[in-house]
């Protein structure tokens, strides 16, 4: 009975987290400088250094997501469409996934949905915490070439594609 209760409580935490619950603390604001990080690519296992990526592109879109969140998977499809429109304009895309139990499912999702930009694995959630991302929700950030945030969006807005496109167009002007 205690095991069932613990499982039920854990499931409720995941479900409520997907709807916007999670870690507290001051969130990232426009103009703040992004903390550098290095994480392994989920597919290639090669280490990707954010500072190198950020400095060599006009802007970098960073997403933080989990397979446990249906909104996250939907949001990643929006980001994929933006990637297809902007990656040729020296805009980098880095996805950060923090799943630990379903890494094969993450790889299958990436491949099945044709997501071509790097998806990095934050298995210890160090970057997720540093970016004040909420557990089991989608977060997206746009960082300019100097490393300053030009967008920090927590949760999946219904107009994510338009929001990202407008932000990237503004950076490119």
C-alpha atoms as a PDB file:
ATOM      1  CA  UNK A   1       0.000   0.000   0.000  1.00  0.00           C
ATOM      2  CA  UNK A   2       2.818   2.438   0.871  1.00  0.00           C
ATOM      3  CA  UNK A   3       4.528   1.683  -2.448  1.00  0.00           C
ATOM      4  CA  UNK A   4       1.303   2.389  -4.353  1.00  0.00           C
ATOM      5  CA  UNK A   5       0.835   5.667  -2.490  1.00  0.00           C
ATOM      6  CA  UNK A   6       4.424   6.717  -3.206  1.00  0.00           C
ATOM      7  CA  UNK A   7       3.991   5.852  -6.891  1.00  0.00           C
ATOM      8  CA  UNK A   8       0.714   7.776  -7.059  1.00  0.00           C
ATOM      9  CA  UNK A   9       2.273  10.827  -5.402  1.00  0.00           C
ATOM     10  CA  UNK A  10       5.246  10.718  -7.775  1.00  0.00           C
ATOM     11  CA  UNK A  11       2.921  10.472 -10.764  1.00  0.00           C
ATOM     12  CA  UNK A  12       0.873  13.411  -9.488  1.00  0.00           C
ATOM     13  CA  UNK A  13       4.053  15.458  -9.143  1.00  0.00           C
ATOM     14  CA  UNK A  14       5.029  14.678 -12.734  1.00  0.00           C
ATOM     15  CA  UNK A  15       1.575  15.528 -14.065  1.00  0.00           C
ATOM     16  CA  UNK A  16       1.320  18.755 -12.105  1.00  0.00           C
ATOM     17  CA  UNK A  17       4.888  19.628 -13.111  1.00  0.00           C
ATOM     18  CA  UNK A  18       3.962  19.229 -16.766  1.00  0.00           C
ATOM     19  CA  UNK A  19       1.244  21.790 -16.191  1.00  0.00           C
ATOM     20  CA  UNK A  20       3.672  24.341 -14.766  1.00  0.00           C
ATOM     21  CA  UNK A  21       4.883  23.216 -11.342  1.00  0.00           C
ATOM     22  CA  UNK A  22       8.504  22.685 -10.448  1.00  0.00           C
ATOM     23  CA  UNK A  23      11.530  24.431  -9.050  1.00  0.00           C
ATOM     24  CA  UNK A  24      11.246  27.932  -7.707  1.00  0.00           C
ATOM     25  CA  UNK A  25      13.716  30.762  -7.685  1.00  0.00           C
ATOM     26  CA  UNK A  26      14.323  33.831  -9.794  1.00  0.00           C
ATOM     27  CA  UNK A  27      13.915  33.082 -13.457  1.00  0.00           C
ATOM     28  CA  UNK A  28      16.217  34.178 -16.249  1.00  0.00           C
ATOM     29  CA  UNK A  29      15.466  37.671 -17.542  1.00  0.00           C
ATOM     30  CA  UNK A  30      16.243  39.361 -20.855  1.00  0.00           C
ATOM     31  CA  UNK A  31      19.742  40.888 -20.765  1.00  0.00           C
ATOM     32  CA  UNK A  32      21.212  38.416 -18.251  1.00  0.00           C
ATOM     33  CA  UNK A  33      24.287  36.532 -19.444  1.00  0.00           C
ATOM     34  CA  UNK A  34      23.965  32.827 -20.106  1.00  0.00           C
ATOM     35  CA  UNK A  35      26.058  30.481 -18.004  1.00  0.00           C
ATOM     36  CA  UNK A  36      28.439  28.384 -20.119  1.00  0.00           C
ATOM     37  CA  UNK A  37      27.998  24.644 -20.113  1.00  0.00           C
ATOM     38  CA  UNK A  38      29.245  21.494 -21.792  1.00  0.00           C
ATOM     39  CA  UNK A  39      26.976  18.491 -22.230  1.00  0.00           C
ATOM     40  CA  UNK A  40      27.158  15.314 -24.299  1.00  0.00           C
ATOM     41  CA  UNK A  41      25.072  14.984 -27.441  1.00  0.00           C
ATOM     42  CA  UNK A  42      22.462  12.262 -26.826  1.00  0.00           C
ATOM     43  CA  UNK A  43      23.101  10.658 -30.210  1.00  0.00           C
ATOM     44  CA  UNK A  44      26.850  11.043 -30.762  1.00  0.00           C
ATOM     45  CA  UNK A  45      27.949  11.345 -27.109  1.00  0.00           C
ATOM     46  CA  UNK A  46      30.358  14.119 -28.201  1.00  0.00           C
ATOM     47  CA  UNK A  47      30.669  17.033 -25.801  1.00  0.00           C
ATOM     48  CA  UNK A  48      29.090  20.284 -27.004  1.00  0.00           C
ATOM     49  CA  UNK A  49      30.325  23.543 -25.469  1.00  0.00           C
ATOM     50  CA  UNK A  50      27.715  26.286 -25.347  1.00  0.00           C
ATOM     51  CA  UNK A  51      30.187  29.195 -25.370  1.00  0.00           C
ATOM     52  CA  UNK A  52      31.739  28.033 -28.638  1.00  0.00           C
ATOM     53  CA  UNK A  53      28.310  27.587 -30.224  1.00  0.00           C
ATOM     54  CA  UNK A  54      27.003  30.946 -28.970  1.00  0.00           C
ATOM     55  CA  UNK A  55      30.062  32.930 -30.068  1.00  0.00           C
ATOM     56  CA  UNK A  56      30.075  31.485 -33.577  1.00  0.00           C
ATOM     57  CA  UNK A  57      26.412  32.196 -34.429  1.00  0.00           C
ATOM     58  CA  UNK A  58      24.140  35.231 -34.676  1.00  0.00           C
ATOM     59  CA  UNK A  59      21.933  33.660 -32.005  1.00  0.00           C
ATOM     60  CA  UNK A  60      21.450  30.334 -30.265  1.00  0.00           C
ATOM     61  CA  UNK A  61      18.074  28.832 -29.430  1.00  0.00           C
ATOM     62  CA  UNK A  62      18.258  26.623 -26.332  1.00  0.00           C
ATOM     63  CA  UNK A  63      15.348  24.399 -25.390  1.00  0.00           C
ATOM     64  CA  UNK A  64      14.972  22.390 -22.197  1.00  0.00           C
ATOM     65  CA  UNK A  65      12.465  19.555 -22.298  1.00  0.00           C
ATOM     66  CA  UNK A  66      11.463  16.089 -21.149  1.00  0.00           C
ATOM     67  CA  UNK A  67       9.775  13.144 -22.851  1.00  0.00           C
ATOM     68  CA  UNK A  68       7.521  12.857 -19.775  1.00  0.00           C
ATOM     69  CA  UNK A  69       5.775  16.081 -20.810  1.00  0.00           C
ATOM     70  CA  UNK A  70       3.420  15.903 -23.826  1.00  0.00           C
ATOM     71  CA  UNK A  71       3.615  19.711 -24.234  1.00  0.00           C
ATOM     72  CA  UNK A  72       7.388  19.415 -24.470  1.00  0.00           C
ATOM     73  CA  UNK A  73       7.206  16.973 -27.353  1.00  0.00           C
ATOM     74  CA  UNK A  74       4.714  19.220 -29.155  1.00  0.00           C
ATOM     75  CA  UNK A  75       6.935  22.253 -28.537  1.00  0.00           C
ATOM     76  CA  UNK A  76       9.965  20.457 -29.956  1.00  0.00           C
ATOM     77  CA  UNK A  77       8.061  20.019 -33.234  1.00  0.00           C
ATOM     78  CA  UNK A  78       7.461  23.788 -33.307  1.00  0.00           C
ATOM     79  CA  UNK A  79      11.169  24.348 -32.675  1.00  0.00           C
ATOM     80  CA  UNK A  80      12.046  21.907 -35.452  1.00  0.00           C
ATOM     81  CA  UNK A  81      10.013  24.006 -37.912  1.00  0.00           C
ATOM     82  CA  UNK A  82      11.799  27.175 -36.767  1.00  0.00           C
ATOM     83  CA  UNK A  83      15.133  25.367 -37.101  1.00  0.00           C
ATOM     84  CA  UNK A  84      14.277  24.441 -40.679  1.00  0.00           C
ATOM     85  CA  UNK A  85      13.602  28.112 -41.472  1.00  0.00           C
ATOM     86  CA  UNK A  86      16.545  29.702 -39.600  1.00  0.00           C
ATOM     87  CA  UNK A  87      19.537  27.367 -39.255  1.00  0.00           C
ATOM     88  CA  UNK A  88      20.937  28.552 -42.593  1.00  0.00           C
ATOM     89  CA  UNK A  89      20.991  32.133 -41.215  1.00  0.00           C
ATOM     90  CA  UNK A  90      23.721  31.342 -38.671  1.00  0.00           C
ATOM     91  CA  UNK A  91      21.219  30.539 -35.935  1.00  0.00           C
ATOM     92  CA  UNK A  92      22.257  27.586 -33.753  1.00  0.00           C
ATOM     93  CA  UNK A  93      19.828  25.290 -31.973  1.00  0.00           C
ATOM     94  CA  UNK A  94      20.616  23.233 -28.870  1.00  0.00           C
ATOM     95  CA  UNK A  95      18.021  21.028 -27.261  1.00  0.00           C
ATOM     96  CA  UNK A  96      18.634  19.955 -23.680  1.00  0.00           C
ATOM     97  CA  UNK A  97      16.866  16.865 -22.404  1.00  0.00           C
ATOM     98  CA  UNK A  98      17.094  15.740 -18.783  1.00  0.00           C
ATOM     99  CA  UNK A  99      15.415  12.326 -18.965  1.00  0.00           C
ATOM    100  CA  UNK A 100      17.327   9.543 -17.252  1.00  0.00           C
ATOM    101  CA  UNK A 101      14.977   6.583 -17.464  1.00  0.00           C
ATOM    102  CA  UNK A 102      13.859   6.813 -21.098  1.00  0.00           C
ATOM    103  CA  UNK A 103      16.937   7.868 -23.033  1.00  0.00           C
ATOM    104  CA  UNK A 104      16.193   5.320 -25.778  1.00  0.00           C
ATOM    105  CA  UNK A 105      12.726   6.851 -26.118  1.00  0.00           C
ATOM    106  CA  UNK A 106      14.323  10.299 -26.470  1.00  0.00           C
ATOM    107  CA  UNK A 107      16.613   9.008 -29.226  1.00  0.00           C
ATOM    108  CA  UNK A 108      13.660   7.358 -30.999  1.00  0.00           C
ATOM    109  CA  UNK A 109      11.613  10.584 -30.778  1.00  0.00           C
ATOM    110  CA  UNK A 110      14.463  12.678 -32.197  1.00  0.00           C
ATOM    111  CA  UNK A 111      14.984  10.291 -35.084  1.00  0.00           C
ATOM    112  CA  UNK A 112      11.290   9.680 -35.737  1.00  0.00           C
ATOM    113  CA  UNK A 113      10.433  13.387 -35.808  1.00  0.00           C
ATOM    114  CA  UNK A 114      13.442  14.349 -37.935  1.00  0.00           C
ATOM    115  CA  UNK A 115      14.990  16.674 -35.364  1.00  0.00           C
ATOM    116  CA  UNK A 116      18.394  17.462 -36.829  1.00  0.00           C
ATOM    117  CA  UNK A 117      19.865  19.900 -34.317  1.00  0.00           C
ATOM    118  CA  UNK A 118      21.895  18.604 -31.358  1.00  0.00           C
ATOM    119  CA  UNK A 119      19.955  17.299 -28.376  1.00  0.00           C
ATOM    120  CA  UNK A 120      22.195  17.346 -25.319  1.00  0.00           C
ATOM    121  CA  UNK A 121      21.792  15.195 -22.235  1.00  0.00           C
ATOM    122  CA  UNK A 122      21.609  16.947 -18.873  1.00  0.00           C
ATOM    123  CA  UNK A 123      21.273  13.796 -16.800  1.00  0.00           C
ATOM    124  CA  UNK A 124      22.310  15.569 -13.581  1.00  0.00           C
ATOM    125  CA  UNK A 125      20.051  18.545 -14.388  1.00  0.00           C
ATOM    126  CA  UNK A 126      22.870  21.019 -13.792  1.00  0.00           C
ATOM    127  CA  UNK A 127      22.003  23.206 -16.784  1.00  0.00           C
ATOM    128  CA  UNK A 128      18.279  22.762 -16.190  1.00  0.00           C
ATOM    129  CA  UNK A 129      18.737  24.159 -12.666  1.00  0.00           C
ATOM    130  CA  UNK A 130      21.123  26.925 -13.792  1.00  0.00           C
ATOM    131  CA  UNK A 131      18.564  28.117 -16.350  1.00  0.00           C
ATOM    132  CA  UNK A 132      15.814  27.921 -13.677  1.00  0.00           C
ATOM    133  CA  UNK A 133      13.847  25.584 -15.932  1.00  0.00           C
ATOM    134  CA  UNK A 134      10.943  23.848 -14.299  1.00  0.00           C
ATOM    135  CA  UNK A 135      10.835  20.100 -14.009  1.00  0.00           C
ATOM    136  CA  UNK A 136       8.689  18.456 -16.668  1.00  0.00           C
ATOM    137  CA  UNK A 137       7.892  21.651 -18.534  1.00  0.00           C
ATOM    138  CA  UNK A 138       9.229  23.121 -21.744  1.00  0.00           C
ATOM    139  CA  UNK A 139      11.511  26.156 -21.600  1.00  0.00           C
ATOM    140  CA  UNK A 140      13.096  28.035 -24.485  1.00  0.00           C
ATOM    141  CA  UNK A 141      15.816  30.661 -24.502  1.00  0.00           C
ATOM    142  CA  UNK A 142      17.439  32.737 -27.221  1.00  0.00           C
ATOM    143  CA  UNK A 143      20.951  33.965 -26.577  1.00  0.00           C
ATOM    144  CA  UNK A 144      22.758  36.494 -28.761  1.00  0.00           C
ATOM    145  CA  UNK A 145      26.356  36.210 -29.964  1.00  0.00           C
ATOM    146  CA  UNK A 146      27.579  38.013 -26.819  1.00  0.00           C
ATOM    147  CA  UNK A 147      25.869  35.477 -24.565  1.00  0.00           C
ATOM    148  CA  UNK A 148      23.006  37.719 -23.405  1.00  0.00           C
ATOM    149  CA  UNK A 149      19.481  36.366 -23.208  1.00  0.00           C
ATOM    150  CA  UNK A 150      17.128  38.034 -25.679  1.00  0.00           C
ATOM    151  CA  UNK A 151      14.280  35.640 -24.828  1.00  0.00           C
ATOM    152  CA  UNK A 152      13.507  33.506 -21.790  1.00  0.00           C
ATOM    153  CA  UNK A 153      10.183  31.697 -22.110  1.00  0.00           C
ATOM    154  CA  UNK A 154       9.013  29.183 -19.551  1.00  0.00           C
ATOM    155  CA  UNK A 155       6.265  26.734 -20.522  1.00  0.00           C
ATOM    156  CA  UNK A 156       5.022  26.138 -24.054  1.00  0.00           C
ATOM    157  CA  UNK A 157       3.259  29.227 -25.395  1.00  0.00           C
ATOM    158  CA  UNK A 158       0.562  28.497 -27.991  1.00  0.00           C
ATOM    159  CA  UNK A 159       2.358  30.749 -30.487  1.00  0.00           C
ATOM    160  CA  UNK A 160       5.897  29.396 -29.980  1.00  0.00           C
ATOM    161  CA  UNK A 161       6.753  29.302 -33.678  1.00  0.00           C
ATOM    162  CA  UNK A 162       5.730  32.935 -34.174  1.00  0.00           C
ATOM    163  CA  UNK A 163       7.458  34.048 -30.958  1.00  0.00           C
ATOM    164  CA  UNK A 164      10.744  32.415 -31.928  1.00  0.00           C
ATOM    165  CA  UNK A 165      10.564  33.678 -35.507  1.00  0.00           C
ATOM    166  CA  UNK A 166       9.945  37.262 -34.355  1.00  0.00           C
ATOM    167  CA  UNK A 167      12.766  37.067 -31.804  1.00  0.00           C
ATOM    168  CA  UNK A 168      15.202  35.666 -34.358  1.00  0.00           C
ATOM    169  CA  UNK A 169      14.178  38.229 -36.983  1.00  0.00           C
ATOM    170  CA  UNK A 170      14.867  40.988 -34.433  1.00  0.00           C
ATOM    171  CA  UNK A 171      18.337  39.537 -33.708  1.00  0.00           C
ATOM    172  CA  UNK A 172      19.119  39.345 -37.421  1.00  0.00           C
ATOM    173  CA  UNK A 173      18.183  43.006 -38.062  1.00  0.00           C
END
